[in-house]
Amino acid sequence: MSLLLIRDLNVYFPSSSGLVHANRNINLRLESGQKLALVGETGCGKTVLGLTIMRLLPPAARVTGSIFYNGTDLQKLSENEMAKIRGKEIGMLMQNPSASLNPSMRSIHQVSEMFIYHRKLSQAEAEEKALDVLGKMGIGKEEAYRYPHELSGGMRQRIALAIAFSLNPPLLIADEPTKGLDLERKRELVKWLSDLWRNQSFSCLLITHDMEVASTLSDWMAVMYAGEIIEEGKTGDVMRHPRHPYTRRLLEALPSRGMKAVHVEPVSMVERRTGCCYASCCEEADHICHTEHPIMKGTEHRCCCRRYQE
């Protein structure tokens, strides 16, 4: 049984322009111990998928399909039942720690409340546990009792990680963990996360626009474009032998591969699609690509492109 199994997931938001179709027919699985990177440009729907799994979407959102965690359909749980899953079973590192941390609470208390809520520990016991977790993240006692605004961006990121890891959840959703960090801090965080990945047994859904970060921190990769999964496979296979034209363009944009600009035209998330979501930008597209939606092909390394031949 897969730890996380997503079947035919669609997510919609009402807007003044119509119904925004943010995630389209998503099918993904994450096995125990696996590190899956969900990559794609900003605005393609990656964060929406993470928030959908955690059931943190606004009330106006409409979701169809199924999300199974250890065989339990999260979409069918009550809010009280889901609250027991968040943090204890599935931890989440939000995209912006400056916004996700409570500015009026000392950092240690934001970690200790996880132990108070889920483990029913006293304040003193919870703080002792919190200090231990923060210590493993490289945060000393003096920094632990500071407010988030008194810490650097890298330190705030580690506080957010401490909250996400505090109860050793089997699954971590990490949303853009390196976003907003300068190059030096990014490299430090990636190395630190890489060591953490090796030394602890858990599964991770890593959401990122950074292909180099994804290649370092994941063993499986799924590429998203305009709300759709268009390629997935072992990270090494996708990085070395990309099959979808969009994935190839993403890799060509890396500094190590020539830093070629990615040509993209805005794709409507409101209008009904008939053809391939990437057809308007694809140099290889023909008239059929604009009128027929491709199916996902392949076994281990899969690609959603009608021109791809196994």
Protein backbone atom coordinates (compact mmCIF):
# COMPACT_ATOMS: atom_id res chain seq x y z
CA MET A 1 0.00 0.00 0.00
CA SER A 2 1.34 3.44 -0.97
CA LEU A 3 1.80 5.91 1.86
CA LEU A 4 0.12 8.63 -0.23
CA LEU A 5 -2.09 7.91 -3.23
CA ILE A 6 -3.79 10.66 -5.23
CA ARG A 7 -6.43 9.66 -7.77
CA ASP A 8 -8.15 11.84 -10.36
CA LEU A 9 -7.77 14.97 -8.24
CA ASN A 10 -9.27 18.23 -9.50
CA VAL A 11 -9.25 21.53 -7.60
CA TYR A 12 -11.39 24.55 -8.53
CA PHE A 13 -11.62 28.12 -7.24
CA PRO A 14 -14.38 30.61 -8.11
CA SER A 15 -13.19 33.91 -9.61
CA SER A 16 -14.62 36.92 -11.42
CA SER A 17 -13.45 35.36 -14.71
CA GLY A 18 -15.03 31.98 -14.04
CA LEU A 19 -14.07 28.74 -12.33
CA VAL A 20 -10.28 28.44 -12.02
CA HIS A 21 -9.17 24.82 -12.57
CA ALA A 22 -5.96 24.87 -10.50
CA ASN A 23 -5.19 21.12 -10.45
CA ARG A 24 -6.33 18.90 -13.31
CA ASN A 25 -6.71 15.12 -13.10
CA ILE A 26 -3.74 14.62 -10.78
CA ASN A 27 -2.62 11.03 -10.25
CA LEU A 28 0.42 10.51 -8.01
CA ARG A 29 1.72 8.02 -5.51
CA LEU A 30 4.36 8.33 -2.82
CA GLU A 31 5.86 5.21 -1.25
CA SER A 32 7.17 4.88 2.28
CA GLY A 33 10.65 6.39 2.52
CA GLN A 34 10.43 7.98 -0.92
CA LYS A 35 11.41 11.60 -1.61
CA LEU A 36 9.24 12.95 -4.46
CA ALA A 37 9.95 16.35 -5.99
CA LEU A 38 7.04 18.19 -7.61
CA VAL A 39 8.65 20.73 -9.93
CA GLY A 40 7.35 23.46 -12.22
CA GLU A 41 7.31 27.21 -12.61
CA THR A 42 5.65 29.55 -10.11
CA GLY A 43 1.87 29.59 -10.42
CA CYS A 44 1.48 26.15 -12.02
CA GLY A 45 -0.50 24.68 -9.10
CA LYS A 46 2.17 22.95 -6.98
CA THR A 47 1.36 24.70 -3.71
CA VAL A 48 -2.37 24.18 -4.29
CA LEU A 49 -1.74 20.43 -4.37
CA GLY A 50 0.15 20.54 -1.06
CA LEU A 51 -2.59 22.58 0.61
CA THR A 52 -5.23 20.24 -0.80
CA ILE A 53 -3.52 17.24 0.77
CA MET A 54 -3.47 19.07 4.12
CA ARG A 55 -7.09 20.22 3.72
CA LEU A 56 -6.05 23.87 4.15
CA LEU A 57 -7.82 25.35 1.13
CA PRO A 58 -10.28 28.23 1.56
CA PRO A 59 -13.95 27.22 2.02
CA ALA A 60 -14.89 28.36 -1.49
CA ALA A 61 -12.56 25.81 -3.13
CA ARG A 62 -14.12 22.72 -4.70
CA VAL A 63 -12.24 19.41 -4.73
CA THR A 64 -13.08 16.19 -6.57
CA GLY A 65 -11.14 12.92 -6.57
CA SER A 66 -9.44 11.05 -3.74
CA ILE A 67 -6.36 11.49 -1.54
CA PHE A 68 -5.48 8.34 0.40
CA TYR A 69 -3.02 8.45 3.28
CA ASN A 70 -2.20 4.95 4.55
CA GLY A 71 -5.43 3.78 2.97
CA THR A 72 -7.60 6.49 4.55
CA ASP A 73 -9.35 8.95 2.22
CA LEU A 74 -8.46 12.35 3.70
CA GLN A 75 -11.29 14.03 1.79
CA LYS A 76 -13.84 12.06 3.80
CA LEU A 77 -12.49 12.91 7.27
CA SER A 78 -14.17 15.43 9.54
CA GLU A 79 -12.19 18.56 10.44
CA ASN A 80 -11.53 17.16 13.95
CA GLU A 81 -10.20 13.92 12.46
CA MET A 82 -8.04 15.83 9.99
CA ALA A 83 -6.63 18.04 12.76
CA LYS A 84 -5.22 14.90 14.39
CA ILE A 85 -3.46 14.01 11.13
CA ARG A 86 -1.83 17.42 10.60
CA GLY A 87 1.53 17.62 12.33
CA LYS A 88 1.39 14.13 13.80
CA GLU A 89 1.06 12.09 10.59
CA ILE A 90 1.72 14.71 7.91
CA GLY A 91 3.97 17.69 8.62
CA MET A 92 4.11 20.72 6.37
CA LEU A 93 6.84 23.28 5.85
CA MET A 94 5.06 26.34 4.48
CA GLN A 95 6.55 28.35 1.62
CA ASN A 96 7.20 31.54 3.58
CA PRO A 97 8.31 31.00 7.20
CA SER A 98 8.09 34.74 7.88
CA ALA A 99 4.37 34.56 7.14
CA SER A 100 3.68 31.10 8.60
CA LEU A 101 5.34 31.72 12.00
CA ASN A 102 3.38 33.59 14.65
CA PRO A 103 5.17 36.93 15.22
CA SER A 104 3.73 37.29 18.73
CA MET A 105 5.01 33.92 20.02
CA ARG A 106 8.55 33.02 20.98
CA SER A 107 10.00 30.43 18.61
CA ILE A 108 10.21 27.68 21.23
CA HIS A 109 6.53 27.98 22.07
CA GLN A 110 5.57 27.48 18.42
CA VAL A 111 7.36 24.13 18.54
CA SER A 112 6.23 23.14 22.04
CA GLU A 113 2.54 23.61 21.22
CA MET A 114 2.80 20.59 18.90
CA PHE A 115 3.66 18.42 21.92
CA ILE A 116 0.95 20.03 24.05
CA TYR A 117 -1.78 19.49 21.45
CA HIS A 118 -0.85 16.04 20.12
CA ARG A 119 1.03 14.45 23.05
CA LYS A 120 -0.84 16.21 25.88
CA LEU A 121 2.42 17.17 27.64
CA SER A 122 2.72 19.93 30.22
CA GLN A 123 4.26 23.25 29.20
CA ALA A 124 7.56 22.40 30.92
CA GLU A 125 7.74 18.92 29.34
CA ALA A 126 6.82 20.32 25.93
CA GLU A 127 9.52 23.02 26.13
CA GLU A 128 12.12 20.39 27.02
CA LYS A 129 11.10 18.36 23.96
CA ALA A 130 11.08 21.50 21.81
CA LEU A 131 14.62 22.44 22.88
CA ASP A 132 15.79 18.96 21.89
CA VAL A 133 14.20 19.24 18.43
CA LEU A 134 15.53 22.77 17.92
CA GLY A 135 19.00 21.64 18.98
CA LYS A 136 18.97 19.04 16.21
CA MET A 137 18.12 21.84 13.79
CA GLY A 138 21.12 23.87 14.95
CA ILE A 139 19.08 26.31 17.07
CA GLY A 140 20.50 27.01 20.54
CA LYS A 141 18.53 27.85 23.69
CA GLU A 142 19.15 31.58 23.40
CA GLU A 143 17.78 31.71 19.83
CA ALA A 144 14.90 29.40 20.74
CA TYR A 145 13.44 31.99 23.14
CA ARG A 146 13.60 34.79 20.58
CA TYR A 147 10.70 35.98 18.44
CA PRO A 148 10.80 35.10 14.71
CA HIS A 149 11.56 38.69 13.64
CA GLU A 150 14.71 38.61 15.78
CA LEU A 151 16.14 35.73 13.73
CA SER A 152 17.67 35.53 10.26
CA GLY A 153 15.76 34.10 7.30
CA GLY A 154 17.76 30.88 7.51
CA MET A 155 17.05 30.54 11.24
CA ARG A 156 13.32 31.14 10.68
CA GLN A 157 13.38 28.40 8.05
CA ARG A 158 14.89 26.02 10.61
CA ILE A 159 12.25 26.96 13.20
CA ALA A 160 9.58 26.11 10.62
CA LEU A 161 11.37 22.81 9.94
CA ALA A 162 11.49 22.07 13.67
CA ILE A 163 7.71 22.53 13.86
CA ALA A 164 7.20 20.26 10.85
CA PHE A 165 9.57 17.57 12.20
CA SER A 166 8.73 17.86 15.90
CA LEU A 167 6.53 14.74 16.03
CA ASN A 168 8.53 12.76 13.45
CA PRO A 169 5.63 12.50 10.99
CA PRO A 170 5.90 9.70 8.40
CA LEU A 171 5.23 12.27 5.64
CA LEU A 172 6.61 15.78 5.22
CA ILE A 173 5.34 18.27 2.64
CA ALA A 174 8.09 20.85 2.07
CA ASP A 175 6.85 23.82 0.01
CA GLU A 176 9.71 25.78 -1.61
CA PRO A 177 12.13 25.37 1.33
CA THR A 178 14.89 27.39 -0.38
CA LYS A 179 12.75 30.20 -1.81
CA GLY A 180 13.92 33.69 -0.84
CA LEU A 181 17.33 32.55 0.44
CA ASP A 182 20.55 33.92 -1.01
CA LEU A 183 22.89 31.48 -2.76
CA GLU A 184 25.09 30.82 0.27
CA ARG A 185 22.16 30.17 2.62
CA LYS A 186 20.46 28.06 -0.02
CA ARG A 187 23.51 25.84 -0.36
CA GLU A 188 23.78 25.52 3.43
CA LEU A 189 20.10 24.56 3.73
CA VAL A 190 20.26 22.05 0.88
CA LYS A 191 23.32 20.37 2.41
CA TRP A 192 21.66 20.34 5.82
CA LEU A 193 18.43 18.90 4.38
CA SER A 194 20.39 16.33 2.38
CA ASP A 195 22.05 15.11 5.59
CA LEU A 196 18.68 15.05 7.34
CA TRP A 197 17.13 13.07 4.47
CA ARG A 198 19.87 10.42 4.81
CA ASN A 199 19.73 10.10 8.59
CA GLN A 200 15.96 9.97 9.11
CA SER A 201 13.39 7.56 7.69
CA PHE A 202 10.38 9.45 6.37
CA SER A 203 8.67 10.27 3.09
CA CYS A 204 8.73 13.74 1.56
CA LEU A 205 6.78 15.64 -1.07
CA LEU A 206 9.20 18.40 -2.04
CA ILE A 207 7.51 21.28 -3.88
CA THR A 208 10.01 23.46 -5.75
CA HIS A 209 10.64 25.45 -8.92
CA ASP A 210 14.38 24.77 -8.57
CA MET A 211 15.43 21.75 -10.63
CA GLU A 212 18.90 21.64 -9.06
CA VAL A 213 17.44 21.51 -5.54
CA ALA A 214 15.01 18.81 -6.69
CA SER A 215 17.83 16.74 -8.22
CA THR A 216 19.78 16.86 -4.94
CA LEU A 217 16.94 16.15 -2.51
CA SER A 218 14.67 13.69 -4.34
CA ASP A 219 14.71 10.18 -5.81
CA TRP A 220 11.48 10.59 -7.82
CA MET A 221 10.33 13.60 -9.81
CA ALA A 222 6.98 14.80 -11.18
CA VAL A 223 6.84 17.82 -13.51
CA MET A 224 3.76 20.07 -13.42
CA TYR A 225 2.65 22.57 -16.03
CA ALA A 226 -0.58 24.62 -15.91
CA GLY A 227 -2.05 22.39 -13.22
CA GLU A 228 -1.25 19.07 -14.92
CA ILE A 229 1.41 16.42 -14.32
CA ILE A 230 3.16 16.12 -17.67
CA GLU A 231 6.13 13.85 -16.79
CA GLU A 232 7.29 11.69 -13.91
CA GLY A 233 9.98 9.15 -13.17
CA LYS A 234 13.15 8.51 -11.22
CA THR A 235 14.92 11.82 -10.66
CA GLY A 236 18.08 10.71 -12.41
CA ASP A 237 16.13 9.53 -15.47
CA VAL A 238 14.14 12.76 -15.76
CA MET A 239 17.25 14.92 -15.33
CA ARG A 240 19.36 12.92 -17.81
CA HIS A 241 16.71 11.91 -20.34
CA PRO A 242 13.74 14.31 -20.19
CA ARG A 243 10.91 13.20 -22.47
CA HIS A 244 8.45 16.08 -22.44
CA PRO A 245 9.39 19.25 -24.39
CA TYR A 246 8.57 21.42 -21.36
CA THR A 247 10.89 19.41 -19.09
CA ARG A 248 13.67 19.76 -21.65
CA ARG A 249 13.14 23.55 -21.72
CA LEU A 250 13.29 23.71 -17.90
CA LEU A 251 16.60 21.86 -17.87
CA GLU A 252 18.04 24.02 -20.66
CA ALA A 253 17.32 27.06 -18.46
CA LEU A 254 19.73 25.82 -15.78
CA PRO A 255 23.03 27.78 -15.57
CA SER A 256 24.94 24.51 -15.93
CA ARG A 257 23.11 23.76 -19.20
CA GLY A 258 23.31 27.07 -21.00
CA MET A 259 20.72 29.18 -19.20
CA LYS A 260 18.42 29.29 -22.23
CA ALA A 261 15.25 31.33 -21.70
CA VAL A 262 12.06 29.29 -21.40
CA HIS A 263 9.41 30.47 -23.86
CA VAL A 264 6.02 30.41 -22.18
CA GLU A 265 2.69 31.93 -23.08
CA PRO A 266 0.02 32.35 -20.39
CA VAL A 267 -2.31 29.34 -20.34
CA SER A 268 -5.86 29.94 -19.19
CA MET A 269 -6.72 28.07 -16.01
CA VAL A 270 -10.39 28.93 -16.55
CA GLU A 271 -11.18 27.83 -20.09
CA ARG A 272 -11.95 24.22 -20.93
CA ARG A 273 -8.95 22.53 -22.56
CA THR A 274 -9.16 20.25 -25.54
CA GLY A 275 -5.53 19.84 -26.57
CA CYS A 276 -2.18 19.64 -24.79
CA CYS A 277 -1.66 22.28 -22.11
CA TYR A 278 1.80 23.08 -23.54
CA ALA A 279 0.84 23.13 -27.23
CA SER A 280 0.83 26.94 -27.59
CA CYS A 281 4.49 27.11 -26.48
CA CYS A 282 5.81 23.88 -27.95
CA GLU A 283 8.10 24.03 -30.98
CA GLU A 284 7.21 20.41 -31.77
CA ALA A 285 3.42 20.78 -31.67
CA ASP A 286 1.21 20.03 -34.67
CA HIS A 287 -2.51 20.65 -35.24
CA ILE A 288 -3.47 17.45 -33.39
CA CYS A 289 -1.62 18.66 -30.27
CA HIS A 290 -4.01 21.64 -30.18
CA THR A 291 -7.16 19.54 -30.48
CA GLU A 292 -6.52 16.23 -28.68
CA HIS A 293 -5.47 15.92 -25.06
CA PRO A 294 -2.53 13.50 -24.72
CA ILE A 295 -2.54 10.55 -22.32
CA MET A 296 0.23 9.61 -19.91
CA LYS A 297 2.43 6.91 -21.49
CA GLY A 298 5.16 4.75 -20.00
CA THR A 299 5.72 2.59 -16.93
CA GLU A 300 8.67 3.67 -14.77
CA HIS A 301 9.35 6.90 -16.67
CA ARG A 302 6.02 8.35 -17.84
CA CYS A 303 5.29 11.25 -20.17
CA CYS A 304 2.10 13.02 -21.24
CA CYS A 305 2.95 13.84 -24.86
CA ARG A 306 1.39 12.32 -27.99
CA ARG A 307 4.69 12.64 -29.88
CA TYR A 308 6.57 10.56 -27.32
CA GLN A 309 7.11 6.94 -28.39
CA GLU A 310 8.13 4.33 -25.80
